[in-house]
């Protein structure tokens, strides 16, 4: 299979090599992270794999997800209670 790389100028080849090196040696990839931002470990028991359309989109810490759902539930519950109070004449 023929590629355009051998026909490129030295300057262009150097730029391509620089970009490839930057890509290979990115500082920290998400797959290399061992804990969530709150410090919970990414273990198989504590990780939910978020998928959209069958494709893997990322990891979600179960402990943090449960905490977020709990806060959202309390907010919705308070909003419903407040709405019911306004309806009573």
N, C-alpha and C. Protein backbone atom coordinates (compact mmCIF):
# COMPACT_ATOMS: atom_id res chain seq x y z
N UNK A 1 0.84 -1.18 0.00
CA UNK A 1 0.00 0.00 0.00
C UNK A 1 0.88 1.23 0.00
N UNK A 2 0.60 2.14 -0.89
CA UNK A 2 1.40 3.35 -1.02
C UNK A 2 0.86 4.43 -0.09
N UNK A 3 1.77 5.15 0.57
CA UNK A 3 1.37 6.26 1.41
C UNK A 3 2.03 7.52 0.90
N UNK A 4 1.55 8.63 1.38
CA UNK A 4 2.11 9.92 0.97
C UNK A 4 3.34 10.30 1.80
N UNK A 5 3.55 9.63 2.92
CA UNK A 5 4.64 10.00 3.82
C UNK A 5 6.00 10.06 3.13
N UNK A 6 6.41 9.07 2.33
CA UNK A 6 7.73 9.15 1.69
C UNK A 6 7.88 10.34 0.74
N UNK A 7 6.76 10.84 0.23
CA UNK A 7 6.83 11.95 -0.72
C UNK A 7 6.79 13.32 -0.05
N UNK A 8 6.64 13.35 1.27
CA UNK A 8 6.53 14.63 1.98
C UNK A 8 7.90 15.23 2.23
N UNK A 9 7.87 16.54 2.47
CA UNK A 9 9.13 17.23 2.75
C UNK A 9 9.63 16.86 4.15
N UNK A 10 10.88 17.15 4.39
CA UNK A 10 11.49 16.84 5.69
C UNK A 10 10.78 17.61 6.80
N UNK A 11 10.41 18.85 6.53
CA UNK A 11 9.73 19.68 7.52
C UNK A 11 8.36 19.08 7.89
N UNK A 12 7.63 18.64 6.90
CA UNK A 12 6.31 18.04 7.14
C UNK A 12 6.45 16.72 7.90
N UNK A 13 7.46 15.90 7.53
CA UNK A 13 7.68 14.64 8.24
C UNK A 13 8.01 14.90 9.71
N UNK A 14 8.83 15.92 9.96
CA UNK A 14 9.19 16.25 11.34
C UNK A 14 7.95 16.67 12.13
N UNK A 15 7.07 17.43 11.52
CA UNK A 15 5.84 17.87 12.18
C UNK A 15 4.94 16.67 12.50
N UNK A 16 4.83 15.74 11.57
CA UNK A 16 4.02 14.54 11.80
C UNK A 16 4.61 13.73 12.95
N UNK A 17 5.92 13.56 12.97
CA UNK A 17 6.57 12.81 14.06
C UNK A 17 6.35 13.50 15.40
N UNK A 18 6.41 14.83 15.43
CA UNK A 18 6.20 15.58 16.67
C UNK A 18 4.78 15.38 17.20
N UNK A 19 3.81 15.45 16.31
CA UNK A 19 2.41 15.27 16.71
C UNK A 19 2.17 13.84 17.22
N UNK A 20 2.74 12.86 16.54
CA UNK A 20 2.59 11.47 16.97
C UNK A 20 3.21 11.27 18.35
N UNK A 21 4.38 11.85 18.60
CA UNK A 21 5.01 11.73 19.91
C UNK A 21 4.16 12.38 21.00
N UNK A 22 3.59 13.54 20.71
CA UNK A 22 2.72 14.20 21.68
C UNK A 22 1.51 13.32 21.98
N UNK A 23 0.96 12.71 20.97
CA UNK A 23 -0.21 11.86 21.15
C UNK A 23 0.13 10.63 21.98
N UNK A 24 1.27 10.03 21.73
CA UNK A 24 1.67 8.81 22.45
C UNK A 24 1.94 9.07 23.92
N UNK A 25 2.52 10.21 24.21
CA UNK A 25 2.96 10.49 25.57
C UNK A 25 2.14 11.58 26.22
N UNK A 26 0.82 11.50 26.05
CA UNK A 26 -0.06 12.44 26.74
C UNK A 26 0.16 12.28 28.24
N UNK A 27 -0.04 13.36 29.02
CA UNK A 27 0.25 13.28 30.45
C UNK A 27 -0.48 12.14 31.16
N UNK A 28 -1.78 12.17 31.26
CA UNK A 28 -2.53 11.11 31.94
C UNK A 28 -3.76 10.81 31.12
N UNK A 29 -3.91 9.59 30.78
CA UNK A 29 -5.10 9.17 30.06
C UNK A 29 -6.15 8.77 31.07
N UNK A 30 -7.41 8.92 30.73
CA UNK A 30 -8.47 8.56 31.65
C UNK A 30 -8.42 7.09 32.03
N UNK A 31 -7.99 6.23 31.10
CA UNK A 31 -7.94 4.80 31.42
C UNK A 31 -6.87 4.50 32.45
N UNK A 32 -5.90 5.39 32.63
CA UNK A 32 -4.83 5.17 33.60
C UNK A 32 -5.18 5.66 34.99
N UNK A 33 -6.27 6.38 35.12
CA UNK A 33 -6.65 6.91 36.44
C UNK A 33 -7.15 5.77 37.31
N UNK A 34 -6.75 5.78 38.57
CA UNK A 34 -7.10 4.71 39.50
C UNK A 34 -8.22 5.12 40.46
N UNK A 35 -8.50 6.42 40.59
CA UNK A 35 -9.55 6.88 41.49
C UNK A 35 -10.40 7.94 40.81
N UNK A 36 -11.62 8.10 41.31
CA UNK A 36 -12.50 9.15 40.79
C UNK A 36 -12.03 10.48 41.39
N UNK A 37 -12.54 11.63 40.93
CA UNK A 37 -12.11 12.92 41.48
C UNK A 37 -12.34 13.05 42.99
N UNK A 38 -13.29 12.29 43.55
CA UNK A 38 -13.55 12.36 44.99
C UNK A 38 -12.70 11.37 45.78
N UNK A 39 -11.89 10.57 45.08
CA UNK A 39 -10.97 9.67 45.76
C UNK A 39 -11.43 8.23 45.88
N UNK A 40 -12.59 7.88 45.36
CA UNK A 40 -13.06 6.50 45.42
C UNK A 40 -12.31 5.67 44.37
N UNK A 41 -11.93 4.44 44.72
CA UNK A 41 -11.16 3.62 43.77
C UNK A 41 -12.02 3.15 42.59
N UNK A 42 -11.39 3.09 41.43
CA UNK A 42 -12.05 2.51 40.26
C UNK A 42 -11.78 1.01 40.28
N UNK A 43 -12.62 0.28 40.98
CA UNK A 43 -12.52 -1.18 41.03
C UNK A 43 -13.72 -1.75 40.27
N UNK A 44 -13.66 -3.00 39.85
CA UNK A 44 -14.80 -3.56 39.12
C UNK A 44 -16.11 -3.49 39.90
N UNK A 45 -16.04 -3.58 41.23
CA UNK A 45 -17.25 -3.52 42.05
C UNK A 45 -17.80 -2.10 42.15
N UNK A 46 -16.94 -1.10 41.96
CA UNK A 46 -17.34 0.29 42.17
C UNK A 46 -17.45 1.08 40.87
N UNK A 47 -17.46 0.41 39.74
CA UNK A 47 -17.48 1.13 38.46
C UNK A 47 -18.69 0.72 37.64
N UNK A 48 -19.34 1.72 37.08
CA UNK A 48 -20.42 1.52 36.13
C UNK A 48 -19.90 1.98 34.79
N UNK A 49 -19.97 1.14 33.77
CA UNK A 49 -19.51 1.51 32.43
C UNK A 49 -20.67 2.20 31.72
N UNK A 50 -20.48 3.46 31.40
CA UNK A 50 -21.52 4.26 30.75
C UNK A 50 -21.44 3.99 29.24
N UNK A 51 -22.54 3.50 28.68
CA UNK A 51 -22.58 3.19 27.24
C UNK A 51 -23.71 3.96 26.57
N UNK A 52 -23.44 4.41 25.37
CA UNK A 52 -24.46 5.07 24.55
C UNK A 52 -24.41 4.40 23.19
N UNK A 53 -25.52 3.83 22.78
CA UNK A 53 -25.58 3.17 21.47
C UNK A 53 -24.66 1.98 21.38
N UNK A 54 -24.41 1.31 22.50
CA UNK A 54 -23.56 0.14 22.49
C UNK A 54 -22.08 0.44 22.57
N UNK A 55 -21.69 1.71 22.48
CA UNK A 55 -20.28 2.08 22.54
C UNK A 55 -19.94 2.54 23.96
N UNK A 56 -18.78 2.14 24.41
CA UNK A 56 -18.33 2.52 25.74
C UNK A 56 -17.99 4.01 25.74
N UNK A 57 -18.55 4.76 26.68
CA UNK A 57 -18.32 6.20 26.75
C UNK A 57 -17.53 6.62 27.97
N UNK A 58 -17.45 5.76 28.98
CA UNK A 58 -16.66 6.14 30.14
C UNK A 58 -17.06 5.39 31.39
N UNK A 59 -16.27 5.62 32.45
CA UNK A 59 -16.53 4.97 33.73
C UNK A 59 -17.22 5.96 34.66
N UNK A 60 -18.10 5.43 35.48
CA UNK A 60 -18.79 6.23 36.48
C UNK A 60 -18.59 5.56 37.82
N UNK A 61 -18.16 6.30 38.82
CA UNK A 61 -18.00 5.77 40.17
C UNK A 61 -19.39 5.54 40.76
N UNK A 62 -19.67 4.31 41.19
CA UNK A 62 -20.99 3.99 41.73
C UNK A 62 -21.30 4.77 43.00
N UNK A 63 -20.32 4.96 43.87
CA UNK A 63 -20.55 5.70 45.12
C UNK A 63 -20.95 7.13 44.81
N UNK A 64 -20.25 7.77 43.89
CA UNK A 64 -20.57 9.15 43.52
C UNK A 64 -21.92 9.22 42.81
N UNK A 65 -22.22 8.22 41.98
CA UNK A 65 -23.50 8.21 41.25
C UNK A 65 -24.66 8.08 42.23
N UNK A 66 -24.51 7.22 43.24
CA UNK A 66 -25.57 7.06 44.24
C UNK A 66 -25.76 8.35 45.01
N UNK A 67 -24.66 9.02 45.35
CA UNK A 67 -24.76 10.30 46.07
C UNK A 67 -25.47 11.35 45.22
N UNK A 68 -25.14 11.42 43.92
CA UNK A 68 -25.79 12.39 43.03
C UNK A 68 -27.28 12.10 42.91
N UNK A 69 -27.63 10.81 42.77
CA UNK A 69 -29.04 10.45 42.66
C UNK A 69 -29.80 10.78 43.94
N UNK A 70 -29.15 10.59 45.07
CA UNK A 70 -29.78 10.89 46.35
C UNK A 70 -30.07 12.38 46.48
N UNK A 71 -29.12 13.21 46.11
CA UNK A 71 -29.31 14.67 46.16
C UNK A 71 -30.42 15.08 45.20
N UNK A 72 -30.43 14.53 44.00
CA UNK A 72 -31.46 14.87 43.02
C UNK A 72 -32.83 14.44 43.51
N UNK A 73 -32.91 13.27 44.15
CA UNK A 73 -34.19 12.79 44.67
C UNK A 73 -34.70 13.73 45.76
N UNK A 74 -33.81 14.15 46.67
CA UNK A 74 -34.24 15.07 47.73
C UNK A 74 -34.72 16.40 47.15
N UNK A 75 -34.05 16.89 46.11
CA UNK A 75 -34.47 18.15 45.48
C UNK A 75 -35.85 18.02 44.84
N UNK A 76 -36.06 16.91 44.11
CA UNK A 76 -37.36 16.70 43.47
C UNK A 76 -38.46 16.57 44.51
N UNK A 77 -38.18 15.85 45.58
CA UNK A 77 -39.15 15.66 46.64
C UNK A 77 -39.51 16.99 47.29
N UNK A 78 -38.52 17.84 47.54
CA UNK A 78 -38.77 19.15 48.13
C UNK A 78 -39.56 20.04 47.18
N UNK A 79 -39.25 19.96 45.89
CA UNK A 79 -39.97 20.77 44.90
C UNK A 79 -41.43 20.35 44.82
N UNK A 80 -41.69 19.02 44.86
CA UNK A 80 -43.08 18.54 44.83
C UNK A 80 -43.84 19.00 46.08
N UNK A 81 -43.20 18.92 47.23
CA UNK A 81 -43.85 19.35 48.46
C UNK A 81 -44.17 20.84 48.42
N UNK A 82 -43.22 21.62 47.88
CA UNK A 82 -43.44 23.07 47.76
C UNK A 82 -44.59 23.37 46.79
N UNK A 83 -44.65 22.62 45.69
CA UNK A 83 -45.72 22.84 44.71
C UNK A 83 -47.08 22.48 45.30
N UNK A 84 -47.14 21.44 46.11
CA UNK A 84 -48.40 21.05 46.73
C UNK A 84 -48.86 22.11 47.75
N UNK A 85 -47.91 22.71 48.44
CA UNK A 85 -48.27 23.74 49.41
C UNK A 85 -48.86 24.97 48.72
N UNK A 86 -48.36 25.28 47.54
CA UNK A 86 -48.88 26.44 46.80
C UNK A 86 -50.28 26.19 46.27
N UNK A 87 -50.63 24.93 46.00
CA UNK A 87 -51.94 24.60 45.45
C UNK A 87 -53.04 24.66 46.50
N UNK A 88 -52.68 24.50 47.75
CA UNK A 88 -53.68 24.52 48.81
C UNK A 88 -54.09 25.98 49.07
N UNK A 89 -55.43 26.29 48.98
CA UNK A 89 -55.85 27.69 49.15
C UNK A 89 -55.82 28.14 50.59
